[in-house]
N, C-alpha and C. Protein backbone atom coordinates (compact mmCIF):
# COMPACT_ATOMS: atom_id res chain seq x y z
N UNK A 1 -27.18 23.69 -32.35
CA UNK A 1 -26.55 22.43 -32.07
C UNK A 1 -27.09 21.89 -30.75
N UNK A 2 -27.23 20.58 -30.71
CA UNK A 2 -27.69 19.91 -29.50
C UNK A 2 -26.63 18.93 -29.05
N UNK A 3 -26.50 18.77 -27.76
CA UNK A 3 -25.57 17.83 -27.17
C UNK A 3 -26.38 16.70 -26.56
N UNK A 4 -26.07 15.47 -26.93
CA UNK A 4 -26.79 14.31 -26.42
C UNK A 4 -25.85 13.49 -25.57
N UNK A 5 -26.32 13.15 -24.37
CA UNK A 5 -25.49 12.39 -23.45
C UNK A 5 -26.36 11.41 -22.67
N UNK A 6 -25.75 10.34 -22.22
CA UNK A 6 -26.43 9.37 -21.37
C UNK A 6 -26.83 10.06 -20.07
N UNK A 7 -28.04 9.76 -19.60
CA UNK A 7 -28.56 10.41 -18.40
C UNK A 7 -29.29 9.39 -17.54
N UNK A 8 -29.54 9.77 -16.31
CA UNK A 8 -30.31 8.95 -15.38
C UNK A 8 -31.79 9.25 -15.62
N UNK A 9 -32.59 8.23 -16.00
CA UNK A 9 -34.01 8.49 -16.25
C UNK A 9 -34.78 8.90 -15.00
N UNK A 10 -34.15 8.78 -13.84
CA UNK A 10 -34.81 9.17 -12.58
C UNK A 10 -34.50 10.61 -12.19
N UNK A 11 -33.64 11.30 -12.94
CA UNK A 11 -33.28 12.67 -12.59
C UNK A 11 -34.49 13.59 -12.80
N UNK A 12 -34.52 14.72 -12.09
CA UNK A 12 -35.65 15.65 -12.26
C UNK A 12 -35.84 16.10 -13.71
N UNK A 13 -34.76 16.40 -14.43
CA UNK A 13 -34.93 16.86 -15.81
C UNK A 13 -35.44 15.73 -16.71
N UNK A 14 -35.00 14.51 -16.46
CA UNK A 14 -35.51 13.38 -17.23
C UNK A 14 -36.99 13.16 -16.94
N UNK A 15 -37.35 13.21 -15.67
CA UNK A 15 -38.76 13.04 -15.30
C UNK A 15 -39.63 14.11 -15.94
N UNK A 16 -39.12 15.33 -16.02
CA UNK A 16 -39.87 16.42 -16.65
C UNK A 16 -40.07 16.15 -18.15
N UNK A 17 -39.01 15.72 -18.83
CA UNK A 17 -39.12 15.40 -20.25
C UNK A 17 -40.08 14.24 -20.49
N UNK A 18 -39.99 13.21 -19.65
CA UNK A 18 -40.87 12.05 -19.80
C UNK A 18 -42.34 12.42 -19.54
N UNK A 19 -42.56 13.28 -18.56
CA UNK A 19 -43.94 13.72 -18.28
C UNK A 19 -44.50 14.52 -19.46
N UNK A 20 -43.67 15.38 -20.03
CA UNK A 20 -44.10 16.16 -21.20
C UNK A 20 -44.42 15.23 -22.36
N UNK A 21 -43.57 14.23 -22.59
CA UNK A 21 -43.79 13.28 -23.66
C UNK A 21 -45.09 12.51 -23.44
N UNK A 22 -45.34 12.09 -22.21
CA UNK A 22 -46.58 11.36 -21.89
C UNK A 22 -47.81 12.22 -22.18
N UNK A 23 -47.75 13.49 -21.79
CA UNK A 23 -48.89 14.39 -22.06
C UNK A 23 -49.10 14.57 -23.57
N UNK A 24 -48.00 14.70 -24.29
CA UNK A 24 -48.09 14.87 -25.75
C UNK A 24 -48.68 13.63 -26.40
N UNK A 25 -48.20 12.45 -26.01
CA UNK A 25 -48.73 11.21 -26.56
C UNK A 25 -50.21 11.04 -26.24
N UNK A 26 -50.59 11.39 -25.01
CA UNK A 26 -52.00 11.30 -24.60
C UNK A 26 -52.87 12.19 -25.49
N UNK A 27 -52.38 13.39 -25.75
CA UNK A 27 -53.13 14.33 -26.58
C UNK A 27 -53.25 13.84 -28.03
N UNK A 28 -52.18 13.26 -28.56
CA UNK A 28 -52.16 12.84 -29.96
C UNK A 28 -52.87 11.50 -30.17
N UNK A 29 -52.61 10.53 -29.28
CA UNK A 29 -53.08 9.16 -29.51
C UNK A 29 -54.17 8.69 -28.58
N UNK A 30 -54.40 9.44 -27.48
CA UNK A 30 -55.36 8.99 -26.49
C UNK A 30 -54.74 8.11 -25.42
N UNK A 31 -53.44 7.81 -25.56
CA UNK A 31 -52.72 7.00 -24.56
C UNK A 31 -51.37 7.65 -24.29
N UNK A 32 -51.00 7.72 -23.02
CA UNK A 32 -49.72 8.31 -22.65
C UNK A 32 -48.54 7.40 -22.97
N UNK A 33 -48.80 6.13 -23.18
CA UNK A 33 -47.72 5.17 -23.42
C UNK A 33 -47.00 4.76 -22.16
N UNK A 34 -47.39 5.33 -21.04
CA UNK A 34 -46.70 5.05 -19.77
C UNK A 34 -46.79 3.58 -19.37
N UNK A 35 -47.82 2.89 -19.82
CA UNK A 35 -47.98 1.48 -19.47
C UNK A 35 -46.91 0.59 -20.06
N UNK A 36 -46.25 1.04 -21.12
CA UNK A 36 -45.20 0.22 -21.74
C UNK A 36 -43.81 0.76 -21.44
N UNK A 37 -43.72 1.61 -20.44
CA UNK A 37 -42.42 2.19 -20.07
C UNK A 37 -42.20 2.05 -18.57
N UNK A 38 -41.12 1.37 -18.23
CA UNK A 38 -40.71 1.25 -16.82
C UNK A 38 -39.28 1.78 -16.71
N UNK A 39 -39.06 2.74 -15.85
CA UNK A 39 -37.74 3.35 -15.69
C UNK A 39 -36.69 2.29 -15.41
N UNK A 40 -37.04 1.28 -14.62
CA UNK A 40 -36.07 0.22 -14.28
C UNK A 40 -35.52 -0.50 -15.51
N UNK A 41 -36.32 -0.55 -16.59
CA UNK A 41 -35.86 -1.20 -17.83
C UNK A 41 -34.64 -0.48 -18.41
N UNK A 42 -34.49 0.80 -18.10
CA UNK A 42 -33.41 1.59 -18.69
C UNK A 42 -32.23 1.79 -17.74
N UNK A 43 -32.26 1.03 -16.66
CA UNK A 43 -31.14 1.00 -15.73
C UNK A 43 -30.40 -0.33 -15.83
N UNK A 44 -30.93 -1.24 -16.62
CA UNK A 44 -30.36 -2.59 -16.78
C UNK A 44 -29.15 -2.56 -17.72
N UNK A 45 -28.36 -3.61 -17.65
CA UNK A 45 -27.22 -3.75 -18.56
C UNK A 45 -27.69 -3.72 -20.01
N UNK A 46 -26.98 -2.98 -20.83
CA UNK A 46 -27.28 -2.90 -22.25
C UNK A 46 -28.33 -1.86 -22.61
N UNK A 47 -28.98 -1.29 -21.62
CA UNK A 47 -29.99 -0.26 -21.86
C UNK A 47 -29.35 1.12 -21.71
N UNK A 48 -30.00 2.12 -22.24
CA UNK A 48 -29.53 3.48 -21.99
C UNK A 48 -30.68 4.47 -22.14
N UNK A 49 -30.53 5.58 -21.47
CA UNK A 49 -31.46 6.69 -21.56
C UNK A 49 -30.60 7.91 -21.86
N UNK A 50 -31.00 8.68 -22.84
CA UNK A 50 -30.21 9.84 -23.25
C UNK A 50 -31.07 11.10 -23.24
N UNK A 51 -30.42 12.21 -22.95
CA UNK A 51 -31.08 13.52 -22.94
C UNK A 51 -30.34 14.44 -23.91
N UNK A 52 -31.12 15.16 -24.72
CA UNK A 52 -30.56 16.17 -25.62
C UNK A 52 -30.69 17.53 -24.94
N UNK A 53 -29.61 18.29 -25.01
CA UNK A 53 -29.59 19.63 -24.39
C UNK A 53 -29.13 20.67 -25.41
N UNK A 54 -29.63 21.88 -25.23
CA UNK A 54 -29.15 22.99 -26.04
C UNK A 54 -27.72 23.31 -25.62
N UNK A 55 -27.07 24.18 -26.37
CA UNK A 55 -25.71 24.60 -26.00
C UNK A 55 -25.69 25.29 -24.64
N UNK A 56 -26.84 25.82 -24.23
CA UNK A 56 -26.95 26.48 -22.93
C UNK A 56 -27.22 25.47 -21.81
N UNK A 57 -27.39 24.20 -22.15
CA UNK A 57 -27.60 23.15 -21.15
C UNK A 57 -29.05 22.86 -20.82
N UNK A 58 -29.99 23.45 -21.56
CA UNK A 58 -31.41 23.21 -21.30
C UNK A 58 -31.80 21.85 -21.90
N UNK A 59 -32.37 20.97 -21.07
CA UNK A 59 -32.82 19.66 -21.53
C UNK A 59 -34.07 19.83 -22.39
N UNK A 60 -34.00 19.39 -23.65
CA UNK A 60 -35.11 19.60 -24.58
C UNK A 60 -35.65 18.31 -25.21
N UNK A 61 -34.98 17.20 -25.05
CA UNK A 61 -35.43 15.96 -25.67
C UNK A 61 -34.83 14.75 -25.00
N UNK A 62 -35.42 13.59 -25.27
CA UNK A 62 -34.91 12.36 -24.67
C UNK A 62 -35.21 11.18 -25.58
N UNK A 63 -34.58 10.08 -25.26
CA UNK A 63 -34.80 8.82 -25.95
C UNK A 63 -34.17 7.71 -25.15
N UNK A 64 -34.62 6.49 -25.38
CA UNK A 64 -34.09 5.36 -24.62
C UNK A 64 -33.98 4.14 -25.52
N UNK A 65 -33.03 3.28 -25.19
CA UNK A 65 -32.88 2.00 -25.86
C UNK A 65 -33.07 0.90 -24.82
N UNK A 66 -33.99 -0.03 -25.14
CA UNK A 66 -34.22 -1.16 -24.25
C UNK A 66 -33.81 -2.42 -25.00
N UNK A 67 -32.83 -3.17 -24.46
CA UNK A 67 -32.41 -4.39 -25.15
C UNK A 67 -33.51 -5.44 -25.15
N UNK A 68 -33.68 -6.11 -26.30
CA UNK A 68 -34.65 -7.19 -26.43
C UNK A 68 -33.97 -8.55 -26.44
N UNK A 69 -32.82 -8.59 -27.12
CA UNK A 69 -31.99 -9.78 -27.19
C UNK A 69 -30.60 -9.32 -27.64
N UNK A 70 -29.60 -10.17 -27.57
CA UNK A 70 -28.26 -9.72 -27.97
C UNK A 70 -28.26 -9.12 -29.38
N UNK A 71 -27.78 -7.89 -29.47
CA UNK A 71 -27.68 -7.20 -30.75
C UNK A 71 -28.96 -6.54 -31.24
N UNK A 72 -30.04 -6.62 -30.44
CA UNK A 72 -31.32 -6.04 -30.84
C UNK A 72 -31.87 -5.20 -29.69
N UNK A 73 -32.27 -3.98 -30.02
CA UNK A 73 -32.84 -3.09 -28.99
C UNK A 73 -34.06 -2.38 -29.55
N UNK A 74 -34.91 -1.93 -28.66
CA UNK A 74 -36.10 -1.19 -29.01
C UNK A 74 -35.90 0.27 -28.63
N UNK A 75 -36.24 1.17 -29.53
CA UNK A 75 -36.18 2.60 -29.26
C UNK A 75 -37.46 3.00 -28.54
N UNK A 76 -37.32 3.60 -27.37
CA UNK A 76 -38.48 3.96 -26.54
C UNK A 76 -38.40 5.42 -26.13
N UNK A 77 -39.55 5.98 -25.84
CA UNK A 77 -39.69 7.29 -25.21
C UNK A 77 -38.86 8.37 -25.88
N UNK A 78 -38.90 8.41 -27.21
CA UNK A 78 -38.16 9.43 -27.94
C UNK A 78 -39.08 10.63 -28.16
N UNK A 79 -38.64 11.78 -27.73
CA UNK A 79 -39.44 12.97 -27.92
C UNK A 79 -38.66 14.23 -27.63
N UNK A 80 -39.21 15.34 -28.05
CA UNK A 80 -38.59 16.64 -27.80
C UNK A 80 -39.65 17.63 -27.38
N UNK A 81 -39.28 18.51 -26.50
CA UNK A 81 -40.19 19.58 -26.06
C UNK A 81 -39.91 20.81 -26.90
N UNK A 82 -40.71 21.02 -27.95
CA UNK A 82 -40.44 22.13 -28.85
C UNK A 82 -40.69 23.48 -28.20
N UNK A 83 -41.36 23.48 -27.05
CA UNK A 83 -41.57 24.74 -26.32
C UNK A 83 -40.26 25.23 -25.72
N UNK A 84 -39.28 24.34 -25.56
CA UNK A 84 -38.01 24.71 -24.94
C UNK A 84 -36.88 24.90 -25.94
N UNK A 85 -37.17 24.70 -27.25
CA UNK A 85 -36.12 24.86 -28.26
C UNK A 85 -36.73 25.49 -29.50
N UNK A 86 -35.98 25.55 -30.54
CA UNK A 86 -36.47 26.21 -31.77
C UNK A 86 -37.25 25.27 -32.68
N UNK A 87 -37.60 24.10 -32.18
CA UNK A 87 -38.36 23.14 -32.97
C UNK A 87 -37.53 22.18 -33.77
N UNK A 88 -36.21 22.25 -33.64
CA UNK A 88 -35.36 21.37 -34.42
C UNK A 88 -34.84 20.17 -33.65
N UNK A 89 -35.06 20.13 -32.34
CA UNK A 89 -34.55 19.00 -31.54
C UNK A 89 -35.34 17.75 -31.83
């Protein structure tokens, strides 16, 4: 089971997850995707950044919602570090 909660994208664990995701995207696609992600976008009203943790509290995944217009949001920076979990996060 994983617990998902709203988190600060500037926290050390969030930064670690985002860095891992950027490295993974770079390896898979040739681009880290960092150019289309600004942490400040996820501190604005209507936005959120979430972290998934194991029952032991280990941060293993993240995702973010960036509002585009009222009632519409874009899913950003969704990923999981399978090295830190059993591959199901």
